[in-house]
Amino acid sequence: MLAPPWDAVRLTLHVLAATVWVGGQLTLAALVPVLRRHDPDLPRVAAAAFARVAWPAYGVLVATGIWNVVAVEPGADRGYQVVLGLKVAVVAASGLTAWAHARARTTTGLAVYGALTGLTAMSAVLLGVLLAG
């Protein structure tokens, strides 16, 4: 059976925004060593360009995530509620660590916050897949 039209729109927007937020982070992380070899400041320039699409995508993720929660049938089982709560926490952590990463000025800060951002973003994807299953 096909999903109702608004469900399809909501889920499509959510997946597209996650593709930008998570996939963009992974892509940029893979490119940083190459960019750095060409110009030590180039990763910062690329990150600023990425931020112009990443933060709006994060906003879409949060908005469609709220829409997803509202669309859940009342009375979801306890396991679903626990996974949902964990997902909300890691999405918040992903945004906070990305914000800290963007403001970090040391290589240690960039590395730690970058790793935490990637880990929380990928965890949110995993939890989202669990919720959809």
C-alpha atoms as a PDB file:
ATOM      1  CA  MET A   1       0.000   0.000   0.000  1.00  0.00           C
ATOM      2  CA  LEU A   2       1.295   3.460  -0.835  1.00  0.00           C
ATOM      3  CA  ALA A   3       1.890   5.998   1.913  1.00  0.00           C
ATOM      4  CA  PRO A   4      -0.660   8.821   2.138  1.00  0.00           C
ATOM      5  CA  PRO A   5       0.590  11.909   0.237  1.00  0.00           C
ATOM      6  CA  TRP A   6       1.457  14.010   3.317  1.00  0.00           C
ATOM      7  CA  ASP A   7       3.318  11.090   4.900  1.00  0.00           C
ATOM      8  CA  ALA A   8       5.348  10.750   1.711  1.00  0.00           C
ATOM      9  CA  VAL A   9       6.140  14.483   1.681  1.00  0.00           C
ATOM     10  CA  ARG A  10       7.105  14.482   5.376  1.00  0.00           C
ATOM     11  CA  LEU A  11       9.330  11.428   5.118  1.00  0.00           C
ATOM     12  CA  THR A  12      10.935  12.571   1.860  1.00  0.00           C
ATOM     13  CA  LEU A  13      11.839  15.953   3.348  1.00  0.00           C
ATOM     14  CA  HIS A  14      13.212  14.229   6.463  1.00  0.00           C
ATOM     15  CA  VAL A  15      15.365  11.804   4.471  1.00  0.00           C
ATOM     16  CA  LEU A  16      16.635  14.528   2.114  1.00  0.00           C
ATOM     17  CA  ALA A  17      17.586  16.759   5.038  1.00  0.00           C
ATOM     18  CA  ALA A  18      19.346  13.829   6.747  1.00  0.00           C
ATOM     19  CA  THR A  19      21.214  13.159   3.519  1.00  0.00           C
ATOM     20  CA  VAL A  20      22.560  16.706   3.529  1.00  0.00           C
ATOM     21  CA  TRP A  21      23.286  16.867   7.290  1.00  0.00           C
ATOM     22  CA  VAL A  22      24.861  13.421   7.738  1.00  0.00           C
ATOM     23  CA  GLY A  23      26.114  12.683   4.242  1.00  0.00           C
ATOM     24  CA  GLY A  24      27.586  16.150   3.902  1.00  0.00           C
ATOM     25  CA  GLN A  25      29.503  15.750   7.152  1.00  0.00           C
ATOM     26  CA  LEU A  26      30.957  12.426   6.047  1.00  0.00           C
ATOM     27  CA  THR A  27      31.891  13.829   2.638  1.00  0.00           C
ATOM     28  CA  LEU A  28      33.493  16.939   4.088  1.00  0.00           C
ATOM     29  CA  ALA A  29      35.425  14.867   6.641  1.00  0.00           C
ATOM     30  CA  ALA A  30      36.811  12.733   3.809  1.00  0.00           C
ATOM     31  CA  LEU A  31      37.828  15.838   1.840  1.00  0.00           C
ATOM     32  CA  VAL A  32      39.563  17.710   4.692  1.00  0.00           C
ATOM     33  CA  PRO A  33      42.988  16.030   4.278  1.00  0.00           C
ATOM     34  CA  VAL A  34      43.010  16.708   0.537  1.00  0.00           C
ATOM     35  CA  LEU A  35      41.866  20.300   0.982  1.00  0.00           C
ATOM     36  CA  ARG A  36      44.446  20.885   3.714  1.00  0.00           C
ATOM     37  CA  ARG A  37      47.262  19.699   1.413  1.00  0.00           C
ATOM     38  CA  HIS A  38      46.288  22.364  -1.129  1.00  0.00           C
ATOM     39  CA  ASP A  39      45.794  25.184   1.364  1.00  0.00           C
ATOM     40  CA  PRO A  40      45.690  24.930   5.186  1.00  0.00           C
ATOM     41  CA  ASP A  41      42.747  27.375   5.299  1.00  0.00           C
ATOM     42  CA  LEU A  42      40.718  25.577   2.614  1.00  0.00           C
ATOM     43  CA  PRO A  43      38.920  23.193   5.037  1.00  0.00           C
ATOM     44  CA  ARG A  44      37.582  26.214   6.941  1.00  0.00           C
ATOM     45  CA  VAL A  45      36.361  27.794   3.686  1.00  0.00           C
ATOM     46  CA  ALA A  46      34.697  24.524   2.619  1.00  0.00           C
ATOM     47  CA  ALA A  47      33.112  24.111   6.066  1.00  0.00           C
ATOM     48  CA  ALA A  48      31.649  27.624   5.866  1.00  0.00           C
ATOM     49  CA  ALA A  49      30.164  26.823   2.455  1.00  0.00           C
ATOM     50  CA  PHE A  50      28.769  23.537   3.767  1.00  0.00           C
ATOM     51  CA  ALA A  51      27.255  25.307   6.784  1.00  0.00           C
ATOM     52  CA  ARG A  52      25.103  27.409   4.462  1.00  0.00           C
ATOM     53  CA  VAL A  53      23.227  24.256   3.408  1.00  0.00           C
ATOM     54  CA  ALA A  54      23.806  22.091   6.493  1.00  0.00           C
ATOM     55  CA  TRP A  55      22.110  24.332   9.064  1.00  0.00           C
ATOM     56  CA  PRO A  56      18.932  24.792   7.021  1.00  0.00           C
ATOM     57  CA  ALA A  57      18.906  21.000   6.528  1.00  0.00           C
ATOM     58  CA  TYR A  58      19.222  20.546  10.298  1.00  0.00           C
ATOM     59  CA  GLY A  59      16.264  22.889  10.746  1.00  0.00           C
ATOM     60  CA  VAL A  60      14.235  20.815   8.275  1.00  0.00           C
ATOM     61  CA  LEU A  61      15.259  17.675  10.178  1.00  0.00           C
ATOM     62  CA  VAL A  62      14.021  19.111  13.462  1.00  0.00           C
ATOM     63  CA  ALA A  63      10.782  20.394  11.927  1.00  0.00           C
ATOM     64  CA  THR A  64       9.995  17.159  10.093  1.00  0.00           C
ATOM     65  CA  GLY A  65      11.083  15.197  13.169  1.00  0.00           C
ATOM     66  CA  ILE A  66       8.456  17.027  15.211  1.00  0.00           C
ATOM     67  CA  TRP A  67       5.975  16.347  12.412  1.00  0.00           C
ATOM     68  CA  ASN A  68       6.969  12.663  12.549  1.00  0.00           C
ATOM     69  CA  VAL A  69       6.337  12.530  16.305  1.00  0.00           C
ATOM     70  CA  VAL A  70       2.924  14.177  15.888  1.00  0.00           C
ATOM     71  CA  ALA A  71       2.068  11.626  13.172  1.00  0.00           C
ATOM     72  CA  VAL A  72       2.781   8.639  15.461  1.00  0.00           C
ATOM     73  CA  GLU A  73      -0.321   6.787  16.519  1.00  0.00           C
ATOM     74  CA  PRO A  74      -1.160   7.334  20.208  1.00  0.00           C
ATOM     75  CA  GLY A  75      -0.259   4.446  22.458  1.00  0.00           C
ATOM     76  CA  ALA A  76       3.077   3.528  20.863  1.00  0.00           C
ATOM     77  CA  ASP A  77       4.770   0.759  22.838  1.00  0.00           C
ATOM     78  CA  ARG A  78       7.422   1.469  25.465  1.00  0.00           C
ATOM     79  CA  GLY A  79      10.317   0.328  23.262  1.00  0.00           C
ATOM     80  CA  TYR A  80       9.323   2.769  20.531  1.00  0.00           C
ATOM     81  CA  GLN A  81       9.087   5.598  23.048  1.00  0.00           C
ATOM     82  CA  VAL A  82      12.557   4.811  24.443  1.00  0.00           C
ATOM     83  CA  VAL A  83      14.146   4.746  20.981  1.00  0.00           C
ATOM     84  CA  LEU A  84      12.334   7.969  20.081  1.00  0.00           C
ATOM     85  CA  GLY A  85      13.633   9.652  23.242  1.00  0.00           C
ATOM     86  CA  LEU A  86      17.171   8.510  22.439  1.00  0.00           C
ATOM     87  CA  LYS A  87      16.840   9.849  18.902  1.00  0.00           C
ATOM     88  CA  VAL A  88      15.684  13.246  20.127  1.00  0.00           C
ATOM     89  CA  ALA A  89      18.691  13.347  22.481  1.00  0.00           C
ATOM     90  CA  VAL A  90      21.258  12.434  19.820  1.00  0.00           C
ATOM     91  CA  VAL A  91      19.754  14.887  17.312  1.00  0.00           C
ATOM     92  CA  ALA A  92      20.083  17.641  19.915  1.00  0.00           C
ATOM     93  CA  ALA A  93      23.639  16.500  20.691  1.00  0.00           C
ATOM     94  CA  SER A  94      24.456  16.498  16.974  1.00  0.00           C
ATOM     95  CA  GLY A  95      23.365  20.106  16.644  1.00  0.00           C
ATOM     96  CA  LEU A  96      25.175  21.194  19.806  1.00  0.00           C
ATOM     97  CA  THR A  97      28.430  19.472  18.887  1.00  0.00           C
ATOM     98  CA  ALA A  98      28.257  20.847  15.332  1.00  0.00           C
ATOM     99  CA  TRP A  99      27.802  24.323  16.800  1.00  0.00           C
ATOM    100  CA  ALA A 100      30.811  23.761  19.107  1.00  0.00           C
ATOM    101  CA  HIS A 101      32.848  22.363  16.197  1.00  0.00           C
ATOM    102  CA  ALA A 102      32.169  25.475  14.128  1.00  0.00           C
ATOM    103  CA  ARG A 103      33.465  27.633  16.975  1.00  0.00           C
ATOM    104  CA  ALA A 104      36.474  25.485  17.916  1.00  0.00           C
ATOM    105  CA  ARG A 105      39.847  27.160  17.407  1.00  0.00           C
ATOM    106  CA  THR A 106      42.221  24.316  18.287  1.00  0.00           C
ATOM    107  CA  THR A 107      42.941  21.165  16.318  1.00  0.00           C
ATOM    108  CA  THR A 108      41.929  19.118  19.366  1.00  0.00           C
ATOM    109  CA  GLY A 109      38.607  20.947  19.640  1.00  0.00           C
ATOM    110  CA  LEU A 110      37.947  20.555  15.927  1.00  0.00           C
ATOM    111  CA  ALA A 111      38.764  16.841  16.080  1.00  0.00           C
ATOM    112  CA  VAL A 112      36.752  16.079  19.232  1.00  0.00           C
ATOM    113  CA  TYR A 113      33.661  18.075  18.278  1.00  0.00           C
ATOM    114  CA  GLY A 114      33.833  16.886  14.677  1.00  0.00           C
ATOM    115  CA  ALA A 115      33.981  13.257  15.784  1.00  0.00           C
ATOM    116  CA  LEU A 116      31.135  13.744  18.255  1.00  0.00           C
ATOM    117  CA  THR A 117      29.027  15.466  15.607  1.00  0.00           C
ATOM    118  CA  GLY A 118      29.569  12.627  13.141  1.00  0.00           C
ATOM    119  CA  LEU A 119      28.931   9.955  15.768  1.00  0.00           C
ATOM    120  CA  THR A 120      25.700  11.540  16.979  1.00  0.00           C
ATOM    121  CA  ALA A 121      24.481  12.219  13.440  1.00  0.00           C
ATOM    122  CA  MET A 122      25.073   8.599  12.384  1.00  0.00           C
ATOM    123  CA  SER A 123      23.451   7.393  15.615  1.00  0.00           C
ATOM    124  CA  ALA A 124      20.358   9.449  14.770  1.00  0.00           C
ATOM    125  CA  VAL A 125      20.192   7.719  11.390  1.00  0.00           C
ATOM    126  CA  LEU A 126      20.420   4.294  13.026  1.00  0.00           C
ATOM    127  CA  LEU A 127      17.733   5.160  15.549  1.00  0.00           C
ATOM    128  CA  GLY A 128      15.537   6.519  12.758  1.00  0.00           C
ATOM    129  CA  VAL A 129      15.854   3.231  10.883  1.00  0.00           C
ATOM    130  CA  LEU A 130      14.907   1.365  14.074  1.00  0.00           C
ATOM    131  CA  LEU A 131      11.835   3.566  14.466  1.00  0.00           C
ATOM    132  CA  ALA A 132      10.773   2.996  10.857  1.00  0.00           C
ATOM    133  CA  GLY A 133      11.122  -0.786  11.181  1.00  0.00           C
END
